[in-house]
Amino acid sequence: MGAVLVSGLVGCGESTNTIKYDTRIDKPVVLLTESKAVSPALNPGAPETIIYGNGLIVQKKDPYSYIAGLSNGANVESILKKLQEQGYFGLKSEYKSEQPVSGGATTTLTVNATDKTYEVTVEAGAKPAGWDAIVNTVRSAKTPDMQPYNPSKIRLYATAATSVPASAKVKDWPGLGDDLKNAAAAGSKGYEVQMESAISIWVGLQAAYEQGNLQETYWKTNDGKTYEAVYAFPVFPGTTQTTNPAQASQPSQTNTAKDAITAYMPSQGLNINDYDLRNTKVSRSDPDWAMYDYQRFEGMGHLVFLVHKTNGAWTVVATGDGQQLNPQAQGAPTDLTYP
């Protein structure tokens, strides 16, 4: 078991506490996550940084790339001491923004002691003083020998393709065909894959992501079946995936889908007042998914917004002119199509 002394202000005086932490490989001491309204295929909510008590540090480079290295207990203690010096242990547990920030992220930093869990969640637009420095302390944690790291456990998501466009990019599935079949059958719950099969799948999806066509790729199994909207969420020792990536934590303000679109438009240089709402389509199987079809003038092209409600708040997941927007590639139910 590791331990480090931290001090905190109590009333008018200062108290010193000893934070004891578990040094086992499956016990994260520091965990940093960040989520935002992006396609679930891009793994919003997946760990950004994990620091284990035995000194193992895992860092996220992009949605399908992690690196890791083994340090020692002294490194873990120095990180905790720096967090204490920066005021982390004196922060409130939650900082909420008064208004949703379009494209903003919600960041959660957790420190797991043996007798207490410290957790601070900060929404975009509500950062407390020193928060960026605190987060940077964790993001910059590393060892001299950081190497590529592939998770040995993933949660796989997929949709059975009813048809494949002639221009579609079709690749051979790198894992077992039954894994894709089971993932499609599991729907939004996903299907857990472990060990060699999980690593093979992760590496295959990583290659597709690096080539820039992950979300448009169709995957063909040995039995001739084809699947789309395929992605995987990494599961690390001592961590759990509490939600579907499509439902990653977002600001919890209650709003309407039109509110979310109105707030999103300025980030694209658009004004809601210049457009008329022509059509709305809501998924029957999951009414937390919908599409809003806008048009500036009669005869002009349509601007379509794919929106999703999580934790009571609607967010814009993707936009397109209808022909270019594939809702299923963003994690939407198969009954939500355009037109």
C-alpha atoms as a PDB file:
ATOM      1  CA  MET A   1       0.000   0.000   0.000  1.00  0.00           C
ATOM      2  CA  GLY A   2       1.269   3.485  -0.879  1.00  0.00           C
ATOM      3  CA  ALA A   3       0.735   6.708   1.061  1.00  0.00           C
ATOM      4  CA  VAL A   4       1.313  10.427   0.685  1.00  0.00           C
ATOM      5  CA  LEU A   5       0.743  13.376   3.049  1.00  0.00           C
ATOM      6  CA  VAL A   6      -1.589  16.129   1.826  1.00  0.00           C
ATOM      7  CA  SER A   7      -2.741  19.225   3.669  1.00  0.00           C
ATOM      8  CA  GLY A   8      -6.031  21.045   3.511  1.00  0.00           C
ATOM      9  CA  LEU A   9      -7.542  24.115   5.131  1.00  0.00           C
ATOM     10  CA  VAL A  10     -10.094  23.516   7.848  1.00  0.00           C
ATOM     11  CA  GLY A  11     -11.708  26.638   9.293  1.00  0.00           C
ATOM     12  CA  CYS A  12      -8.840  29.037  10.045  1.00  0.00           C
ATOM     13  CA  GLY A  13      -6.198  26.373  10.405  1.00  0.00           C
ATOM     14  CA  GLU A  14      -4.485  23.807   8.249  1.00  0.00           C
ATOM     15  CA  SER A  15      -4.759  20.058   8.685  1.00  0.00           C
ATOM     16  CA  THR A  16      -2.535  17.364   7.243  1.00  0.00           C
ATOM     17  CA  ASN A  17      -3.979  14.070   6.069  1.00  0.00           C
ATOM     18  CA  THR A  18      -2.358  10.922   4.811  1.00  0.00           C
ATOM     19  CA  ILE A  19      -3.803   9.570   1.577  1.00  0.00           C
ATOM     20  CA  LYS A  20      -3.326   5.835   1.401  1.00  0.00           C
ATOM     21  CA  TYR A  21      -3.779   4.119  -1.939  1.00  0.00           C
ATOM     22  CA  ASP A  22      -3.747   0.582  -3.282  1.00  0.00           C
ATOM     23  CA  THR A  23      -0.651  -0.435  -5.232  1.00  0.00           C
ATOM     24  CA  ARG A  24      -2.225  -3.303  -7.168  1.00  0.00           C
ATOM     25  CA  ILE A  25      -2.347  -3.298 -10.976  1.00  0.00           C
ATOM     26  CA  ASP A  26      -6.142  -3.347 -11.073  1.00  0.00           C
ATOM     27  CA  LYS A  27      -6.607  -0.326  -8.786  1.00  0.00           C
ATOM     28  CA  PRO A  28      -6.422   3.087 -10.495  1.00  0.00           C
ATOM     29  CA  VAL A  29      -5.303   5.854  -8.132  1.00  0.00           C
ATOM     30  CA  VAL A  30      -5.869   8.716 -10.592  1.00  0.00           C
ATOM     31  CA  LEU A  31      -8.420   8.623 -13.407  1.00  0.00           C
ATOM     32  CA  LEU A  32      -9.099  11.431 -15.881  1.00  0.00           C
ATOM     33  CA  THR A  33     -12.025  11.292 -18.310  1.00  0.00           C
ATOM     34  CA  GLU A  34     -13.426  13.807 -20.763  1.00  0.00           C
ATOM     35  CA  SER A  35     -16.678  13.642 -22.698  1.00  0.00           C
ATOM     36  CA  LYS A  36     -18.301  15.768 -25.355  1.00  0.00           C
ATOM     37  CA  ALA A  37     -21.037  15.553 -27.974  1.00  0.00           C
ATOM     38  CA  VAL A  38     -19.233  13.706 -30.738  1.00  0.00           C
ATOM     39  CA  SER A  39     -19.931  10.463 -32.553  1.00  0.00           C
ATOM     40  CA  PRO A  40     -19.883   7.463 -30.169  1.00  0.00           C
ATOM     41  CA  ALA A  41     -17.429   5.846 -32.579  1.00  0.00           C
ATOM     42  CA  LEU A  42     -14.884   8.387 -31.315  1.00  0.00           C
ATOM     43  CA  ASN A  43     -15.177   7.054 -27.757  1.00  0.00           C
ATOM     44  CA  PRO A  44     -16.304  10.094 -25.789  1.00  0.00           C
ATOM     45  CA  GLY A  45     -15.959   9.273 -22.113  1.00  0.00           C
ATOM     46  CA  ALA A  46     -13.115   6.763 -22.548  1.00  0.00           C
ATOM     47  CA  PRO A  47     -10.282   7.316 -20.030  1.00  0.00           C
ATOM     48  CA  GLU A  48      -7.811  10.035 -20.987  1.00  0.00           C
ATOM     49  CA  THR A  49      -5.283   9.115 -18.297  1.00  0.00           C
ATOM     50  CA  ILE A  50      -5.061   6.266 -15.788  1.00  0.00           C
ATOM     51  CA  ILE A  51      -2.383   6.142 -13.086  1.00  0.00           C
ATOM     52  CA  TYR A  52      -2.233   2.898 -11.124  1.00  0.00           C
ATOM     53  CA  GLY A  53      -0.810   2.458  -7.645  1.00  0.00           C
ATOM     54  CA  ASN A  54       1.990   0.223  -8.923  1.00  0.00           C
ATOM     55  CA  GLY A  55       3.249   3.075 -11.137  1.00  0.00           C
ATOM     56  CA  LEU A  56       1.673   2.066 -14.457  1.00  0.00           C
ATOM     57  CA  ILE A  57       0.614   5.131 -16.445  1.00  0.00           C
ATOM     58  CA  VAL A  58      -1.791   4.824 -19.401  1.00  0.00           C
ATOM     59  CA  GLN A  59      -2.344   7.845 -21.665  1.00  0.00           C
ATOM     60  CA  LYS A  60      -4.815   8.317 -24.519  1.00  0.00           C
ATOM     61  CA  LYS A  61      -3.389   9.715 -27.767  1.00  0.00           C
ATOM     62  CA  ASP A  62      -6.550   9.500 -29.880  1.00  0.00           C
ATOM     63  CA  PRO A  63      -9.824   7.493 -29.793  1.00  0.00           C
ATOM     64  CA  TYR A  64      -8.058   4.253 -30.801  1.00  0.00           C
ATOM     65  CA  SER A  65      -4.513   4.775 -29.590  1.00  0.00           C
ATOM     66  CA  TYR A  66      -3.074   4.503 -26.066  1.00  0.00           C
ATOM     67  CA  ILE A  67       0.479   4.422 -24.715  1.00  0.00           C
ATOM     68  CA  ALA A  68       1.672   3.095 -21.355  1.00  0.00           C
ATOM     69  CA  GLY A  69       4.778   2.884 -19.201  1.00  0.00           C
ATOM     70  CA  LEU A  70       5.739   1.629 -15.739  1.00  0.00           C
ATOM     71  CA  SER A  71       7.209   4.048 -13.216  1.00  0.00           C
ATOM     72  CA  ASN A  72       7.418   3.588  -9.426  1.00  0.00           C
ATOM     73  CA  GLY A  73       5.525   4.510  -6.299  1.00  0.00           C
ATOM     74  CA  ALA A  74       7.536   7.696  -5.845  1.00  0.00           C
ATOM     75  CA  ASN A  75       6.189   8.985  -9.159  1.00  0.00           C
ATOM     76  CA  VAL A  76       2.604   8.353  -8.044  1.00  0.00           C
ATOM     77  CA  GLU A  77       3.256  10.174  -4.770  1.00  0.00           C
ATOM     78  CA  SER A  78       4.808  13.154  -6.554  1.00  0.00           C
ATOM     79  CA  ILE A  79       1.722  13.480  -8.763  1.00  0.00           C
ATOM     80  CA  LEU A  80      -0.593  13.407  -5.744  1.00  0.00           C
ATOM     81  CA  LYS A  81       1.543  15.991  -3.938  1.00  0.00           C
ATOM     82  CA  LYS A  82       1.451  18.274  -6.958  1.00  0.00           C
ATOM     83  CA  LEU A  83      -2.331  17.941  -7.174  1.00  0.00           C
ATOM     84  CA  GLN A  84      -2.504  18.922  -3.502  1.00  0.00           C
ATOM     85  CA  GLU A  85      -0.272  21.955  -4.093  1.00  0.00           C
ATOM     86  CA  GLN A  86      -2.513  23.033  -6.973  1.00  0.00           C
ATOM     87  CA  GLY A  87      -5.602  22.881  -4.747  1.00  0.00           C
ATOM     88  CA  TYR A  88      -7.342  19.802  -6.161  1.00  0.00           C
ATOM     89  CA  PHE A  89      -8.307  18.339  -2.767  1.00  0.00           C
ATOM     90  CA  GLY A  90     -10.002  21.586  -1.760  1.00  0.00           C
ATOM     91  CA  LEU A  91     -12.294  21.800  -4.806  1.00  0.00           C
ATOM     92  CA  LYS A  92     -16.037  21.198  -4.829  1.00  0.00           C
ATOM     93  CA  SER A  93     -17.269  17.953  -6.352  1.00  0.00           C
ATOM     94  CA  GLU A  94     -19.051  19.638  -9.264  1.00  0.00           C
ATOM     95  CA  TYR A  95     -18.838  22.844 -11.287  1.00  0.00           C
ATOM     96  CA  LYS A  96     -21.809  23.363 -13.594  1.00  0.00           C
ATOM     97  CA  SER A  97     -22.128  25.882 -16.397  1.00  0.00           C
ATOM     98  CA  GLU A  98     -25.142  28.187 -16.419  1.00  0.00           C
ATOM     99  CA  GLN A  99     -25.486  27.755 -20.192  1.00  0.00           C
ATOM    100  CA  PRO A 100     -24.452  24.785 -22.391  1.00  0.00           C
ATOM    101  CA  VAL A 101     -21.244  25.494 -24.329  1.00  0.00           C
ATOM    102  CA  SER A 102     -21.447  24.294 -27.922  1.00  0.00           C
ATOM    103  CA  GLY A 103     -18.699  21.747 -28.537  1.00  0.00           C
ATOM    104  CA  GLY A 104     -17.584  21.991 -24.919  1.00  0.00           C
ATOM    105  CA  ALA A 105     -16.287  19.075 -22.882  1.00  0.00           C
ATOM    106  CA  THR A 106     -17.081  17.830 -19.397  1.00  0.00           C
ATOM    107  CA  THR A 107     -13.969  16.717 -17.514  1.00  0.00           C
ATOM    108  CA  THR A 108     -13.882  14.458 -14.455  1.00  0.00           C
ATOM    109  CA  LEU A 109     -10.780  13.871 -12.345  1.00  0.00           C
ATOM    110  CA  THR A 110     -10.942  11.107  -9.733  1.00  0.00           C
ATOM    111  CA  VAL A 111      -8.441  10.152  -7.034  1.00  0.00           C
ATOM    112  CA  ASN A 112      -9.110   6.811  -5.350  1.00  0.00           C
ATOM    113  CA  ALA A 113      -7.761   6.499  -1.815  1.00  0.00           C
ATOM    114  CA  THR A 114      -8.280   3.345   0.240  1.00  0.00           C
ATOM    115  CA  ASP A 115     -10.788   5.061   2.511  1.00  0.00           C
ATOM    116  CA  LYS A 116     -12.198   7.806   0.301  1.00  0.00           C
ATOM    117  CA  THR A 117     -12.799   8.715  -3.331  1.00  0.00           C
ATOM    118  CA  TYR A 118     -12.206  12.314  -4.400  1.00  0.00           C
ATOM    119  CA  GLU A 119     -14.023  13.256  -7.599  1.00  0.00           C
ATOM    120  CA  VAL A 120     -14.344  16.637  -9.310  1.00  0.00           C
ATOM    121  CA  THR A 121     -16.478  17.144 -12.427  1.00  0.00           C
ATOM    122  CA  VAL A 122     -16.165  20.375 -14.399  1.00  0.00           C
ATOM    123  CA  GLU A 123     -18.384  21.443 -17.282  1.00  0.00           C
ATOM    124  CA  ALA A 124     -17.093  23.651 -20.082  1.00  0.00           C
ATOM    125  CA  GLY A 125     -17.531  27.283 -19.149  1.00  0.00           C
ATOM    126  CA  ALA A 126     -17.374  26.617 -15.403  1.00  0.00           C
ATOM    127  CA  LYS A 127     -13.682  25.941 -14.756  1.00  0.00           C
ATOM    128  CA  PRO A 128     -12.496  26.828 -11.232  1.00  0.00           C
ATOM    129  CA  ALA A 129      -9.234  28.731 -10.829  1.00  0.00           C
ATOM    130  CA  GLY A 130      -6.237  26.498 -11.535  1.00  0.00           C
ATOM    131  CA  TRP A 131      -8.263  23.704 -13.172  1.00  0.00           C
ATOM    132  CA  ASP A 132      -6.253  23.693 -16.417  1.00  0.00           C
ATOM    133  CA  ALA A 133      -3.010  23.315 -14.458  1.00  0.00           C
ATOM    134  CA  ILE A 134      -4.487  20.467 -12.409  1.00  0.00           C
ATOM    135  CA  VAL A 135      -5.618  18.607 -15.527  1.00  0.00           C
ATOM    136  CA  ASN A 136      -2.254  19.227 -17.202  1.00  0.00           C
ATOM    137  CA  THR A 137      -0.471  17.629 -14.229  1.00  0.00           C
ATOM    138  CA  VAL A 138      -2.332  14.400 -14.951  1.00  0.00           C
ATOM    139  CA  ARG A 139      -2.176  14.615 -18.757  1.00  0.00           C
ATOM    140  CA  SER A 140       1.594  15.166 -18.666  1.00  0.00           C
ATOM    141  CA  ALA A 141       2.305  12.173 -16.421  1.00  0.00           C
ATOM    142  CA  LYS A 142       4.608   9.772 -18.257  1.00  0.00           C
ATOM    143  CA  THR A 143       7.631   7.513 -18.066  1.00  0.00           C
ATOM    144  CA  PRO A 144      10.733   7.430 -20.306  1.00  0.00           C
ATOM    145  CA  ASP A 145       9.639   4.145 -21.885  1.00  0.00           C
ATOM    146  CA  MET A 146       6.021   4.802 -22.906  1.00  0.00           C
ATOM    147  CA  GLN A 147       4.993   2.171 -25.481  1.00  0.00           C
ATOM    148  CA  PRO A 148       1.842   1.491 -27.543  1.00  0.00           C
ATOM    149  CA  TYR A 149      -0.815  -0.180 -25.390  1.00  0.00           C
ATOM    150  CA  ASN A 150      -3.771  -2.181 -26.710  1.00  0.00           C
ATOM    151  CA  PRO A 151      -6.602  -2.944 -24.268  1.00  0.00           C
ATOM    152  CA  SER A 152      -7.248  -6.655 -23.710  1.00  0.00           C
ATOM    153  CA  LYS A 153     -10.929  -6.017 -23.052  1.00  0.00           C
ATOM    154  CA  ILE A 154     -13.340  -3.971 -25.163  1.00  0.00           C
ATOM    155  CA  ARG A 155     -17.067  -3.448 -25.513  1.00  0.00           C
ATOM    156  CA  LEU A 156     -18.004  -3.871 -29.161  1.00  0.00           C
ATOM    157  CA  TYR A 157     -20.893  -2.139 -30.951  1.00  0.00           C
ATOM    158  CA  ALA A 158     -22.224  -2.935 -34.424  1.00  0.00           C
ATOM    159  CA  THR A 159     -25.265  -2.772 -36.692  1.00  0.00           C
ATOM    160  CA  ALA A 160     -26.092  -5.421 -39.284  1.00  0.00           C
ATOM    161  CA  ALA A 161     -26.098  -3.738 -42.707  1.00  0.00           C
ATOM    162  CA  THR A 162     -29.317  -4.138 -44.694  1.00  0.00           C
ATOM    163  CA  SER A 163     -27.548  -2.934 -47.839  1.00  0.00           C
ATOM    164  CA  VAL A 164     -24.105  -1.750 -48.872  1.00  0.00           C
ATOM    165  CA  PRO A 165     -23.681   1.291 -51.158  1.00  0.00           C
ATOM    166  CA  ALA A 166     -21.709   0.576 -54.321  1.00  0.00           C
ATOM    167  CA  SER A 167     -19.159   3.213 -53.339  1.00  0.00           C
ATOM    168  CA  ALA A 168     -18.768   1.954 -49.776  1.00  0.00           C
ATOM    169  CA  LYS A 169     -15.410   1.000 -48.286  1.00  0.00           C
ATOM    170  CA  VAL A 170     -15.685  -2.693 -47.302  1.00  0.00           C
ATOM    171  CA  LYS A 171     -12.980  -4.390 -45.240  1.00  0.00           C
ATOM    172  CA  ASP A 172     -12.484  -7.908 -43.925  1.00  0.00           C
ATOM    173  CA  TRP A 173     -13.324  -8.158 -40.235  1.00  0.00           C
ATOM    174  CA  PRO A 174     -10.120  -8.610 -38.167  1.00  0.00           C
ATOM    175  CA  GLY A 175     -11.796 -10.561 -35.358  1.00  0.00           C
ATOM    176  CA  LEU A 176     -14.238 -13.418 -34.952  1.00  0.00           C
ATOM    177  CA  GLY A 177     -17.452 -13.173 -36.949  1.00  0.00           C
ATOM    178  CA  ASP A 178     -19.496 -14.198 -33.908  1.00  0.00           C
ATOM    179  CA  ASP A 179     -18.239 -11.141 -32.033  1.00  0.00           C
ATOM    180  CA  LEU A 180     -19.806  -8.818 -34.605  1.00  0.00           C
ATOM    181  CA  LYS A 181     -22.966 -10.895 -34.701  1.00  0.00           C
ATOM    182  CA  ASN A 182     -23.291 -10.778 -30.918  1.00  0.00           C
ATOM    183  CA  ALA A 183     -22.530  -7.057 -30.820  1.00  0.00           C
ATOM    184  CA  ALA A 184     -25.261  -6.317 -33.350  1.00  0.00           C
ATOM    185  CA  ALA A 185     -27.714  -8.455 -31.375  1.00  0.00           C
ATOM    186  CA  ALA A 186     -26.814  -6.654 -28.132  1.00  0.00           C
ATOM    187  CA  GLY A 187     -27.725  -3.268 -29.589  1.00  0.00           C
ATOM    188  CA  SER A 188     -26.885  -0.268 -27.414  1.00  0.00           C
ATOM    189  CA  LYS A 189     -25.616  -2.519 -24.598  1.00  0.00           C
ATOM    190  CA  GLY A 190     -22.664  -3.681 -26.681  1.00  0.00           C
ATOM    191  CA  TYR A 191     -20.844  -7.001 -26.414  1.00  0.00           C
ATOM    192  CA  GLU A 192     -17.742  -7.642 -24.307  1.00  0.00           C
ATOM    193  CA  VAL A 193     -14.727  -9.145 -26.074  1.00  0.00           C
ATOM    194  CA  GLN A 194     -11.509 -10.135 -24.298  1.00  0.00           C
ATOM    195  CA  MET A 195      -7.893 -11.162 -24.809  1.00  0.00           C
ATOM    196  CA  GLU A 196      -6.488 -11.925 -28.295  1.00  0.00           C
ATOM    197  CA  SER A 197      -9.761 -11.286 -30.114  1.00  0.00           C
ATOM    198  CA  ALA A 198     -10.191  -7.918 -28.396  1.00  0.00           C
ATOM    199  CA  ILE A 199      -6.652  -6.857 -29.322  1.00  0.00           C
ATOM    200  CA  SER A 200      -7.082  -7.955 -32.967  1.00  0.00           C
ATOM    201  CA  ILE A 201     -10.314  -5.999 -33.244  1.00  0.00           C
ATOM    202  CA  TRP A 202      -8.828  -2.926 -31.571  1.00  0.00           C
ATOM    203  CA  VAL A 203      -5.802  -2.906 -33.903  1.00  0.00           C
ATOM    204  CA  GLY A 204      -8.065  -3.290 -36.951  1.00  0.00           C
ATOM    205  CA  LEU A 205     -10.323  -0.417 -35.890  1.00  0.00           C
ATOM    206  CA  GLN A 206      -7.251   1.660 -35.053  1.00  0.00           C
ATOM    207  CA  ALA A 207      -5.948   1.215 -38.603  1.00  0.00           C
ATOM    208  CA  ALA A 208      -9.309   2.253 -40.065  1.00  0.00           C
ATOM    209  CA  TYR A 209      -9.365   5.314 -37.798  1.00  0.00           C
ATOM    210  CA  GLU A 210      -5.838   6.327 -38.827  1.00  0.00           C
ATOM    211  CA  GLN A 211      -6.855   6.024 -42.485  1.00  0.00           C
ATOM    212  CA  GLY A 212      -9.675   8.465 -41.776  1.00  0.00           C
ATOM    213  CA  ASN A 213     -12.579   6.217 -42.775  1.00  0.00           C
ATOM    214  CA  LEU A 214     -13.595   4.347 -39.602  1.00  0.00           C
ATOM    215  CA  GLN A 215     -17.153   5.684 -39.459  1.00  0.00           C
ATOM    216  CA  GLU A 216     -17.786   5.017 -43.166  1.00  0.00           C
ATOM    217  CA  THR A 217     -16.277   1.529 -43.206  1.00  0.00           C
ATOM    218  CA  TYR A 218     -18.397  -1.602 -43.680  1.00  0.00           C
ATOM    219  CA  TRP A 219     -16.973  -4.828 -42.228  1.00  0.00           C
ATOM    220  CA  LYS A 220     -17.448  -8.219 -43.870  1.00  0.00           C
ATOM    221  CA  THR A 221     -17.186 -11.490 -41.948  1.00  0.00           C
ATOM    222  CA  ASN A 222     -16.237 -14.913 -43.289  1.00  0.00           C
ATOM    223  CA  ASP A 223     -19.884 -15.956 -43.562  1.00  0.00           C
ATOM    224  CA  GLY A 224     -20.518 -13.139 -46.052  1.00  0.00           C
ATOM    225  CA  LYS A 225     -22.468 -10.879 -43.684  1.00  0.00           C
ATOM    226  CA  THR A 226     -21.722  -7.174 -43.537  1.00  0.00           C
ATOM    227  CA  TYR A 227     -21.908  -4.759 -40.616  1.00  0.00           C
ATOM    228  CA  GLU A 228     -21.784  -0.981 -40.264  1.00  0.00           C
ATOM    229  CA  ALA A 229     -21.474   1.591 -37.448  1.00  0.00           C
ATOM    230  CA  VAL A 230     -18.827  -0.629 -35.844  1.00  0.00           C
ATOM    231  CA  TYR A 231     -16.771   0.734 -32.982  1.00  0.00           C
ATOM    232  CA  ALA A 232     -15.232  -0.415 -29.696  1.00  0.00           C
ATOM    233  CA  PHE A 233     -14.951   1.114 -26.234  1.00  0.00           C
ATOM    234  CA  PRO A 234     -11.764   0.249 -24.265  1.00  0.00           C
ATOM    235  CA  VAL A 235     -12.192  -1.314 -20.837  1.00  0.00           C
ATOM    236  CA  PHE A 236      -9.165  -1.051 -18.531  1.00  0.00           C
ATOM    237  CA  PRO A 237      -8.424  -2.897 -15.256  1.00  0.00           C
ATOM    238  CA  GLY A 238     -10.288  -1.323 -12.375  1.00  0.00           C
ATOM    239  CA  THR A 239     -12.452   0.886 -14.592  1.00  0.00           C
ATOM    240  CA  THR A 240     -16.019   0.389 -15.730  1.00  0.00           C
ATOM    241  CA  GLN A 241     -18.016   1.698 -18.633  1.00  0.00           C
ATOM    242  CA  THR A 242     -21.122   3.004 -16.933  1.00  0.00           C
ATOM    243  CA  THR A 243     -22.809   4.245 -20.106  1.00  0.00           C
ATOM    244  CA  ASN A 244     -23.028   3.661 -23.805  1.00  0.00           C
ATOM    245  CA  PRO A 245     -20.467   5.930 -25.533  1.00  0.00           C
ATOM    246  CA  ALA A 246     -23.435   7.527 -27.285  1.00  0.00           C
ATOM    247  CA  GLN A 247     -24.640   8.552 -23.839  1.00  0.00           C
ATOM    248  CA  ALA A 248     -21.348   9.867 -22.468  1.00  0.00           C
ATOM    249  CA  SER A 249     -21.685  12.515 -19.802  1.00  0.00           C
ATOM    250  CA  GLN A 250     -22.767  15.892 -21.090  1.00  0.00           C
ATOM    251  CA  PRO A 251     -23.903  19.070 -19.330  1.00  0.00           C
ATOM    252  CA  SER A 252     -27.069  18.135 -17.489  1.00  0.00           C
ATOM    253  CA  GLN A 253     -29.133  21.243 -18.167  1.00  0.00           C
ATOM    254  CA  THR A 254     -32.640  20.437 -19.371  1.00  0.00           C
ATOM    255  CA  ASN A 255     -33.251  21.862 -22.842  1.00  0.00           C
ATOM    256  CA  THR A 256     -35.055  21.035 -26.076  1.00  0.00           C
ATOM    257  CA  ALA A 257     -33.624  19.720 -29.317  1.00  0.00           C
ATOM    258  CA  LYS A 258     -34.291  23.096 -30.943  1.00  0.00           C
ATOM    259  CA  ASP A 259     -32.421  24.815 -28.086  1.00  0.00           C
ATOM    260  CA  ALA A 260     -29.394  22.617 -28.799  1.00  0.00           C
ATOM    261  CA  ILE A 261     -29.532  23.394 -32.525  1.00  0.00           C
ATOM    262  CA  THR A 262     -29.943  27.114 -31.861  1.00  0.00           C
ATOM    263  CA  ALA A 263     -26.889  27.086 -29.566  1.00  0.00           C
ATOM    264  CA  TYR A 264     -24.869  25.025 -32.049  1.00  0.00           C
ATOM    265  CA  MET A 265     -25.495  27.075 -35.194  1.00  0.00           C
ATOM    266  CA  PRO A 266     -23.276  30.085 -34.309  1.00  0.00           C
ATOM    267  CA  SER A 267     -20.241  27.769 -34.067  1.00  0.00           C
ATOM    268  CA  GLN A 268     -20.824  27.043 -37.768  1.00  0.00           C
ATOM    269  CA  GLY A 269     -21.357  30.677 -38.695  1.00  0.00           C
ATOM    270  CA  LEU A 270     -25.137  30.191 -39.008  1.00  0.00           C
ATOM    271  CA  ASN A 271     -28.177  31.911 -37.521  1.00  0.00           C
ATOM    272  CA  ILE A 272     -31.323  29.944 -36.658  1.00  0.00           C
ATOM    273  CA  ASN A 273     -33.440  32.934 -37.690  1.00  0.00           C
ATOM    274  CA  ASP A 274     -32.302  32.495 -41.305  1.00  0.00           C
ATOM    275  CA  TYR A 275     -33.800  29.009 -41.558  1.00  0.00           C
ATOM    276  CA  ASP A 276     -37.244  27.422 -41.513  1.00  0.00           C
ATOM    277  CA  LEU A 277     -37.917  24.032 -39.923  1.00  0.00           C
ATOM    278  CA  ARG A 278     -39.293  21.773 -42.664  1.00  0.00           C
ATOM    279  CA  ASN A 279     -39.481  18.360 -41.035  1.00  0.00           C
ATOM    280  CA  THR A 280     -38.796  16.497 -37.809  1.00  0.00           C
ATOM    281  CA  LYS A 281     -38.239  12.767 -37.469  1.00  0.00           C
ATOM    282  CA  VAL A 282     -37.984  10.988 -34.097  1.00  0.00           C
ATOM    283  CA  SER A 283     -36.829   7.399 -33.648  1.00  0.00           C
ATOM    284  CA  ARG A 284     -39.671   5.123 -32.584  1.00  0.00           C
ATOM    285  CA  SER A 285     -37.350   2.627 -30.914  1.00  0.00           C
ATOM    286  CA  ASP A 286     -35.408   5.304 -28.991  1.00  0.00           C
ATOM    287  CA  PRO A 287     -37.080   8.748 -28.845  1.00  0.00           C
ATOM    288  CA  ASP A 288     -33.867  10.241 -27.460  1.00  0.00           C
ATOM    289  CA  TRP A 289     -32.640  10.328 -31.075  1.00  0.00           C
ATOM    290  CA  ALA A 290     -34.119  12.690 -33.678  1.00  0.00           C
ATOM    291  CA  MET A 291     -33.415  14.523 -36.937  1.00  0.00           C
ATOM    292  CA  TYR A 292     -34.388  18.134 -37.658  1.00  0.00           C
ATOM    293  CA  ASP A 293     -34.552  19.258 -41.279  1.00  0.00           C
ATOM    294  CA  TYR A 294     -34.052  22.987 -41.973  1.00  0.00           C
ATOM    295  CA  GLN A 295     -34.108  24.960 -45.211  1.00  0.00           C
ATOM    296  CA  ARG A 296     -33.159  28.586 -45.801  1.00  0.00           C
ATOM    297  CA  PHE A 297     -35.356  29.217 -48.838  1.00  0.00           C
ATOM    298  CA  GLU A 298     -37.708  27.086 -50.929  1.00  0.00           C
ATOM    299  CA  GLY A 299     -35.709  25.246 -53.576  1.00  0.00           C
ATOM    300  CA  MET A 300     -32.412  25.497 -51.691  1.00  0.00           C
ATOM    301  CA  GLY A 301     -30.571  22.578 -50.112  1.00  0.00           C
ATOM    302  CA  HIS A 302     -31.606  21.128 -46.778  1.00  0.00           C
ATOM    303  CA  LEU A 303     -29.549  21.342 -43.591  1.00  0.00           C
ATOM    304  CA  VAL A 304     -30.193  18.339 -41.343  1.00  0.00           C
ATOM    305  CA  PHE A 305     -29.229  18.025 -37.667  1.00  0.00           C
ATOM    306  CA  LEU A 306     -28.908  14.697 -35.877  1.00  0.00           C
ATOM    307  CA  VAL A 307     -29.586  15.288 -32.179  1.00  0.00           C
ATOM    308  CA  HIS A 308     -29.396  13.052 -29.121  1.00  0.00           C
ATOM    309  CA  LYS A 309     -30.624  13.499 -25.558  1.00  0.00           C
ATOM    310  CA  THR A 310     -28.386  12.340 -22.697  1.00  0.00           C
ATOM    311  CA  ASN A 311     -28.832  13.085 -19.004  1.00  0.00           C
ATOM    312  CA  GLY A 312     -31.832  15.261 -19.855  1.00  0.00           C
ATOM    313  CA  ALA A 313     -29.950  17.504 -22.299  1.00  0.00           C
ATOM    314  CA  TRP A 314     -30.138  17.529 -26.099  1.00  0.00           C
ATOM    315  CA  THR A 315     -26.904  17.934 -28.074  1.00  0.00           C
ATOM    316  CA  VAL A 316     -26.077  18.082 -31.787  1.00  0.00           C
ATOM    317  CA  VAL A 317     -24.216  14.921 -32.768  1.00  0.00           C
ATOM    318  CA  ALA A 318     -23.802  15.512 -36.522  1.00  0.00           C
ATOM    319  CA  THR A 319     -25.001  17.693 -39.384  1.00  0.00           C
ATOM    320  CA  GLY A 320     -25.320  17.173 -43.125  1.00  0.00           C
ATOM    321  CA  ASP A 321     -27.314  17.895 -46.232  1.00  0.00           C
ATOM    322  CA  GLY A 322     -29.264  14.659 -45.875  1.00  0.00           C
ATOM    323  CA  GLN A 323     -27.477  12.633 -48.509  1.00  0.00           C
ATOM    324  CA  GLN A 324     -24.157  12.916 -46.667  1.00  0.00           C
ATOM    325  CA  LEU A 325     -25.499  12.222 -43.180  1.00  0.00           C
ATOM    326  CA  ASN A 326     -25.489   8.605 -41.983  1.00  0.00           C
ATOM    327  CA  PRO A 327     -27.278   8.500 -38.597  1.00  0.00           C
ATOM    328  CA  GLN A 328     -26.270   4.887 -37.904  1.00  0.00           C
ATOM    329  CA  ALA A 329     -22.585   5.784 -38.233  1.00  0.00           C
ATOM    330  CA  GLN A 330     -23.163   8.108 -35.280  1.00  0.00           C
ATOM    331  CA  GLY A 331     -24.847   5.441 -33.148  1.00  0.00           C
ATOM    332  CA  ALA A 332     -28.485   6.287 -33.960  1.00  0.00           C
ATOM    333  CA  PRO A 333     -31.124   3.509 -34.152  1.00  0.00           C
ATOM    334  CA  THR A 334     -31.667   1.878 -37.537  1.00  0.00           C
ATOM    335  CA  ASP A 335     -35.229   3.217 -37.815  1.00  0.00           C
ATOM    336  CA  LEU A 336     -33.930   6.819 -37.971  1.00  0.00           C
ATOM    337  CA  THR A 337     -33.150   7.532 -41.621  1.00  0.00           C
ATOM    338  CA  TYR A 338     -33.166  10.484 -44.035  1.00  0.00           C
ATOM    339  CA  PRO A 339     -35.319  11.318 -45.930  1.00  0.00           C
END
